[in-house]
Structure formats: structure tokens, C-alpha cells
Amino acid sequence: MGMSVTVLGCAGSYAGPGNACSGYLVEADGFRLWMDAGAGTLANLLGHITLADIDAVAISHSHPDHWLDLPTARNALKYFEHRQGIPLFSTGEVLALADGLGHGEGMAPTFAPKAVADRDVVEVGPLRITFSRTDHPVETLAMRVDGGGRSLAYSADTAAGWSVEALGEGIDTFLCEVSLLPEHRGLAPHVTGAEAGTMATAAGVGRLLVTHLPPGGTEEPRLTDVATTFRGPTEAVHVNQRYEL
């Protein structure tokens, strides 16, 4: 029983030295979900598991820092592992873009693509994944992953018009972007620490993990900002760090 999340990349927009764009490995009961596949995350994923170990993939949205390693992964899985039928969940836009980069072959049959949207729920292996559309310029899906008796929520990218409350109660850990410093609130379709903390408090989450900082972005002012609205355990994530839920 139990669930873990390993950070494969946590940089927003582009990665600085030693990091990668957005990507996470979620594990429960021996099942492995690759959640977002931003540039650089495939190499980091292979530092923890093999290509043969990937059981499913879920991509939040079409901005490049969240999915561009997917076509590379398809080639690796197709030509080196000869795998087929790996469940792939994402928006219709992402699936169409990924097919366009597949040398005319598309993601199938290596992947078994399934378009998902707001409020959809899928079950794959021991996991139940619930999707919720966030406040972002393209269709973007936050995810709640339930498995191993634990629950993880992931904001993907969002502005303050969405809240993790949309994913229900009983969330053990909330992995939330905090791209903006307090003085930049409202200047981009992302959230500040205080806004992330407000969501976490309203939803009654157990722990808040801060992610998606731009390269060179400092943790401390963001964590200080979170503390103005959320009193629970909070920390900024780091690449290749594993968190037990």
C-alpha cells in the first residue's frame, strides 16, 4: 500500500542547469504513471525506471514544457522496446500535436491514446485519475490520482480562477505550481504562493508541494507567501527527489 511521486523536472517554461521541465513519476502498488513529459524528463525518468517499466502516461496540456518528450519516448518504446498499447491520457489538442510529430505514424500503436476532458475519470491499473480543467489559456487538466490508499492532486498550470477543491476532499498531497512572486500576482496565467495556499486550505489538503518555478526563481519568498494562507507542511520540490504520500 501507499503511493509515491518522484520529481523528474520542476522548472517552469524552460529548464535551468541540472533541472528539466515538468514531469513526475507516480508509483502505487507496483504501477508506474508518467505524469507530464516536459523536455528533459525522459532522461531523468530512466534514472529511476526502465522503458519497460512505464505502465501509463498522462499529459496535462499542450504547452511545450509539459509534453515535448512524448514523441521521443514513443520512438524509444517503439524501436528499442517494441512495446504497444501503453495507455496515454491527454487533451485532444495534445494527442493531435503528438501525432503530427510521429513521422506520419502517430502515437498508436505504441500508445493507446484516449482524449480526456474536464470531470472525466479513468481507471488504469490500481489508479483512479480524475481530471479538472484549470484556469489557463489552453485546455489544461489538473489531475487527482488515487491509489494505494493515498491521494495526490496536481495543479498542472493554472491561474487563480481554478481551485483544487474541484478535485474533491481527502487529498493527502497537493503538487501545485507557484510560478509567481507576490508582486507579480495576476500578471500571467499562473498563481502566487498565497493563491496556492488558499486553494490548499480550502480543500483541506494534508501537504503542499511547490513546483514549476522559473529558472533562477527563488524558493524562500514563495514559501513565505504560501505560509500567509496555508499552515500545513509545505516544501519546494527538487529534481529527482522522491516523496512518499
Protein backbone atom coordinates (compact mmCIF):
# COMPACT_ATOMS: atom_id res chain seq x y z
CA MET A 1 0.00 0.00 0.00
CA GLY A 2 1.00 3.64 -0.38
CA MET A 3 1.91 5.99 -3.19
CA SER A 4 5.00 7.98 -4.09
CA VAL A 5 5.81 10.79 -6.50
CA THR A 6 9.30 11.35 -7.90
CA VAL A 7 10.16 14.70 -9.46
CA LEU A 8 11.57 14.28 -12.97
CA GLY A 9 11.56 18.02 -13.64
CA CYS A 10 10.07 21.02 -11.91
CA ALA A 11 11.10 24.06 -13.95
CA GLY A 12 8.52 26.39 -15.42
CA SER A 13 8.67 27.36 -19.11
CA TYR A 14 12.25 26.15 -19.59
CA ALA A 15 14.81 24.31 -17.53
CA GLY A 16 17.94 25.68 -15.96
CA PRO A 17 21.15 23.65 -15.46
CA GLY A 18 20.59 20.30 -13.79
CA ASN A 19 16.79 20.50 -13.99
CA ALA A 20 14.13 19.59 -16.55
CA CYS A 21 10.69 20.86 -17.45
CA SER A 22 7.54 19.49 -15.82
CA GLY A 23 7.34 15.75 -15.22
CA TYR A 24 6.60 13.34 -12.37
CA LEU A 25 6.68 9.60 -11.76
CA VAL A 26 3.74 8.39 -9.68
CA GLU A 27 4.00 4.86 -8.26
CA ALA A 28 1.45 2.77 -6.37
CA ASP A 29 1.22 -0.98 -5.89
CA GLY A 30 3.97 -1.56 -8.44
CA PHE A 31 2.23 0.52 -11.14
CA ARG A 32 4.10 3.45 -12.71
CA LEU A 33 2.43 6.52 -14.19
CA TRP A 34 4.48 9.14 -16.03
CA MET A 35 2.60 12.39 -15.39
CA ASP A 36 3.63 15.18 -17.78
CA ALA A 37 6.61 14.72 -20.08
CA GLY A 38 8.33 18.06 -20.42
CA ALA A 39 11.71 18.41 -22.11
CA GLY A 40 14.43 16.55 -20.21
CA THR A 41 12.11 14.38 -18.16
CA LEU A 42 12.64 11.18 -20.17
CA ALA A 43 16.34 11.09 -19.29
CA ASN A 44 15.55 11.66 -15.62
CA LEU A 45 12.79 9.04 -15.70
CA LEU A 46 15.34 6.49 -16.89
CA GLY A 47 17.40 7.23 -13.81
CA HIS A 48 14.60 5.64 -11.76
CA ILE A 49 12.93 3.02 -14.00
CA THR A 50 13.41 1.46 -17.44
CA LEU A 51 11.37 1.95 -20.59
CA ALA A 52 9.85 -1.46 -19.95
CA ASP A 53 8.52 -0.24 -16.60
CA ILE A 54 6.30 2.56 -17.95
CA ASP A 55 2.68 1.47 -17.40
CA ALA A 56 0.76 4.62 -18.42
CA VAL A 57 1.25 8.27 -19.34
CA ALA A 58 -0.92 11.32 -18.61
CA ILE A 59 -0.25 14.78 -20.05
CA SER A 60 -1.90 17.91 -18.66
CA HIS A 61 -1.78 20.29 -21.63
CA SER A 62 -0.18 21.37 -24.87
CA HIS A 63 2.37 23.92 -23.70
CA PRO A 64 5.77 22.53 -24.74
CA ASP A 65 7.30 22.41 -21.26
CA HIS A 66 4.73 19.76 -20.31
CA TRP A 67 4.84 17.24 -23.17
CA LEU A 68 7.68 17.55 -25.68
CA ASP A 69 9.48 14.38 -24.54
CA LEU A 70 6.43 12.32 -25.51
CA PRO A 71 7.35 11.84 -29.21
CA THR A 72 10.91 10.91 -28.20
CA ALA A 73 9.52 8.39 -25.72
CA ARG A 74 7.34 6.93 -28.45
CA ASN A 75 10.39 6.33 -30.65
CA ALA A 76 12.32 4.74 -27.79
CA LEU A 77 9.43 2.49 -26.83
CA LYS A 78 8.66 1.52 -30.43
CA TYR A 79 12.13 0.82 -31.79
CA PHE A 80 14.04 -0.32 -28.72
CA GLU A 81 11.39 -1.96 -26.53
CA HIS A 82 8.85 -2.95 -29.24
CA ARG A 83 6.01 -2.09 -26.90
CA GLN A 84 2.38 -1.48 -27.82
CA GLY A 85 -0.80 -0.34 -26.14
CA ILE A 86 0.56 1.82 -23.33
CA PRO A 87 -2.39 3.90 -22.06
CA LEU A 88 -1.96 7.60 -22.86
CA PHE A 89 -4.40 10.17 -21.48
CA SER A 90 -4.44 13.80 -22.52
CA THR A 91 -6.42 16.55 -24.20
CA GLY A 92 -7.41 16.18 -27.83
CA GLU A 93 -5.04 19.01 -28.71
CA VAL A 94 -2.02 17.27 -27.21
CA LEU A 95 -2.84 13.99 -28.93
CA ALA A 96 -3.19 15.72 -32.30
CA LEU A 97 0.09 17.60 -31.87
CA ALA A 98 1.90 14.44 -30.80
CA ASP A 99 0.59 12.57 -33.84
CA GLY A 100 1.91 15.38 -36.01
CA LEU A 101 5.43 14.75 -34.71
CA GLY A 102 5.25 11.00 -35.25
CA HIS A 103 6.81 10.89 -38.74
CA GLY A 104 3.39 10.25 -40.21
CA GLU A 105 2.89 7.20 -38.00
CA GLY A 106 1.23 8.76 -34.94
CA MET A 107 1.37 7.67 -31.31
CA ALA A 108 -0.51 4.41 -31.89
CA PRO A 109 0.06 1.51 -31.63
CA THR A 110 2.94 2.20 -29.23
CA PHE A 111 0.49 4.18 -27.14
CA ALA A 112 -3.24 3.65 -26.78
CA PRO A 113 -4.34 7.32 -26.82
CA LYS A 114 -7.51 8.39 -25.07
CA ALA A 115 -8.72 12.00 -25.12
CA VAL A 116 -9.95 13.19 -21.74
CA ALA A 117 -11.63 16.40 -20.62
CA ASP A 118 -12.98 18.22 -17.58
CA ARG A 119 -14.56 15.88 -14.98
CA ASP A 120 -13.54 12.72 -16.77
CA VAL A 121 -12.43 9.80 -14.60
CA VAL A 122 -10.31 6.89 -15.81
CA GLU A 123 -9.10 3.76 -14.09
CA VAL A 124 -5.79 2.28 -15.11
CA GLY A 125 -4.09 -0.47 -13.15
CA PRO A 126 -4.63 0.29 -9.45
CA LEU A 127 -5.02 4.03 -10.11
CA ARG A 128 -8.08 6.20 -10.48
CA ILE A 129 -7.37 9.51 -12.24
CA THR A 130 -9.81 12.42 -12.11
CA PHE A 131 -9.34 15.39 -14.44
CA SER A 132 -10.37 19.01 -13.87
CA ARG A 133 -9.98 21.89 -16.31
CA THR A 134 -7.91 24.71 -14.85
CA ASP A 135 -7.71 28.45 -15.49
CA HIS A 136 -5.09 28.55 -18.27
CA PRO A 137 -5.06 29.84 -21.88
CA VAL A 138 -5.19 26.36 -23.46
CA GLU A 139 -7.25 23.39 -22.30
CA THR A 140 -5.31 22.29 -19.24
CA LEU A 141 -6.22 19.41 -16.96
CA ALA A 142 -5.31 19.17 -13.32
CA MET A 143 -5.26 15.59 -12.06
CA ARG A 144 -6.17 13.74 -8.92
CA VAL A 145 -4.53 10.33 -8.66
CA ASP A 146 -5.94 7.88 -6.12
CA GLY A 147 -4.15 4.61 -5.42
CA GLY A 148 -2.54 2.58 -2.70
CA GLY A 149 -4.90 4.11 -0.21
CA ARG A 150 -3.50 7.61 -0.84
CA SER A 151 -4.38 10.63 -2.98
CA LEU A 152 -2.23 13.08 -4.96
CA ALA A 153 -3.52 16.22 -6.66
CA TYR A 154 -1.51 18.02 -9.35
CA SER A 155 -2.47 21.52 -10.45
CA ALA A 156 -0.63 21.46 -13.78
CA ASP A 157 -0.68 25.16 -14.82
CA THR A 158 -3.43 27.45 -13.60
CA ALA A 159 -4.39 30.96 -12.60
CA ALA A 160 -6.49 31.73 -9.54
CA GLY A 161 -9.80 31.11 -11.29
CA TRP A 162 -9.48 27.39 -10.52
CA SER A 163 -9.09 25.64 -7.17
CA VAL A 164 -8.04 22.16 -6.15
CA GLU A 165 -11.39 21.99 -4.36
CA ALA A 166 -12.74 20.90 -7.77
CA LEU A 167 -10.96 17.57 -7.26
CA GLY A 168 -12.79 16.75 -4.04
CA GLU A 169 -11.92 16.07 -0.44
CA GLY A 170 -9.34 13.78 1.16
CA ILE A 171 -6.26 14.89 -0.79
CA ASP A 172 -3.11 13.86 1.04
CA THR A 173 -0.62 15.85 -1.04
CA PHE A 174 -1.17 18.78 -3.41
CA LEU A 175 1.57 19.34 -6.00
CA CYS A 176 0.96 22.92 -7.08
CA GLU A 177 2.66 25.36 -9.37
CA VAL A 178 3.82 28.60 -7.74
CA SER A 179 5.25 30.46 -10.70
CA LEU A 180 4.61 33.99 -9.49
CA LEU A 181 6.08 36.14 -6.77
CA PRO A 182 3.54 38.15 -4.75
CA GLU A 183 4.30 41.36 -6.63
CA HIS A 184 3.54 39.65 -9.94
CA ARG A 185 0.08 38.41 -8.95
CA GLY A 186 -2.29 38.50 -11.90
CA LEU A 187 0.37 39.36 -14.47
CA ALA A 188 0.43 35.86 -16.01
CA PRO A 189 -1.95 32.87 -16.01
CA HIS A 190 -0.26 31.28 -13.00
CA VAL A 191 -0.52 31.55 -9.23
CA THR A 192 1.38 33.02 -6.31
CA GLY A 193 2.22 31.16 -3.12
CA ALA A 194 -0.67 32.80 -1.28
CA GLU A 195 -3.09 31.74 -4.01
CA ALA A 196 -1.79 28.16 -3.90
CA GLY A 197 -2.09 28.19 -0.12
CA THR A 198 -5.66 29.47 -0.28
CA MET A 199 -6.58 26.53 -2.53
CA ALA A 200 -4.85 24.04 -0.24
CA THR A 201 -6.56 25.40 2.86
CA ALA A 202 -10.00 25.44 1.25
CA ALA A 203 -9.60 21.82 0.12
CA GLY A 204 -8.16 20.65 3.43
CA VAL A 205 -5.11 19.03 1.86
CA GLY A 206 -2.52 17.43 4.10
CA ARG A 207 0.67 18.73 2.49
CA LEU A 208 1.57 21.27 -0.19
CA LEU A 209 4.48 20.68 -2.57
CA VAL A 210 5.54 23.77 -4.53
CA THR A 211 6.73 23.33 -8.12
CA HIS A 212 7.06 24.97 -11.59
CA LEU A 213 9.45 27.74 -10.53
CA PRO A 214 11.11 29.58 -13.42
CA PRO A 215 14.88 29.08 -13.74
CA GLY A 216 16.56 31.31 -11.18
CA GLY A 217 13.32 31.62 -9.25
CA THR A 218 13.96 31.63 -5.52
CA GLU A 219 12.07 29.34 -3.17
CA GLU A 220 12.03 31.34 0.04
CA PRO A 221 9.78 34.26 -0.96
CA ARG A 222 7.32 31.79 -2.48
CA LEU A 223 7.27 29.60 0.62
CA THR A 224 6.87 32.68 2.81
CA ASP A 225 3.94 33.71 0.64
CA VAL A 226 2.36 30.24 0.94
CA ALA A 227 2.60 30.49 4.75
CA THR A 228 0.29 33.51 4.77
CA THR A 229 -2.65 31.33 3.72
CA PHE A 230 -1.69 27.69 4.48
CA ARG A 231 -0.50 26.34 7.83
CA GLY A 232 0.23 22.75 6.84
CA PRO A 233 3.55 21.18 5.83
CA THR A 234 5.00 22.87 2.75
CA GLU A 235 8.18 22.48 0.76
CA ALA A 236 9.59 23.28 -2.66
CA VAL A 237 10.34 20.19 -4.73
CA HIS A 238 13.66 19.34 -6.34
CA VAL A 239 14.50 17.23 -9.35
CA ASN A 240 14.96 13.50 -8.69
CA GLN A 241 13.53 13.80 -5.18
CA ARG A 242 11.01 11.13 -4.16
CA TYR A 243 8.09 11.92 -1.86
CA GLU A 244 6.12 9.25 -0.01
CA LEU A 245 2.46 10.12 0.41
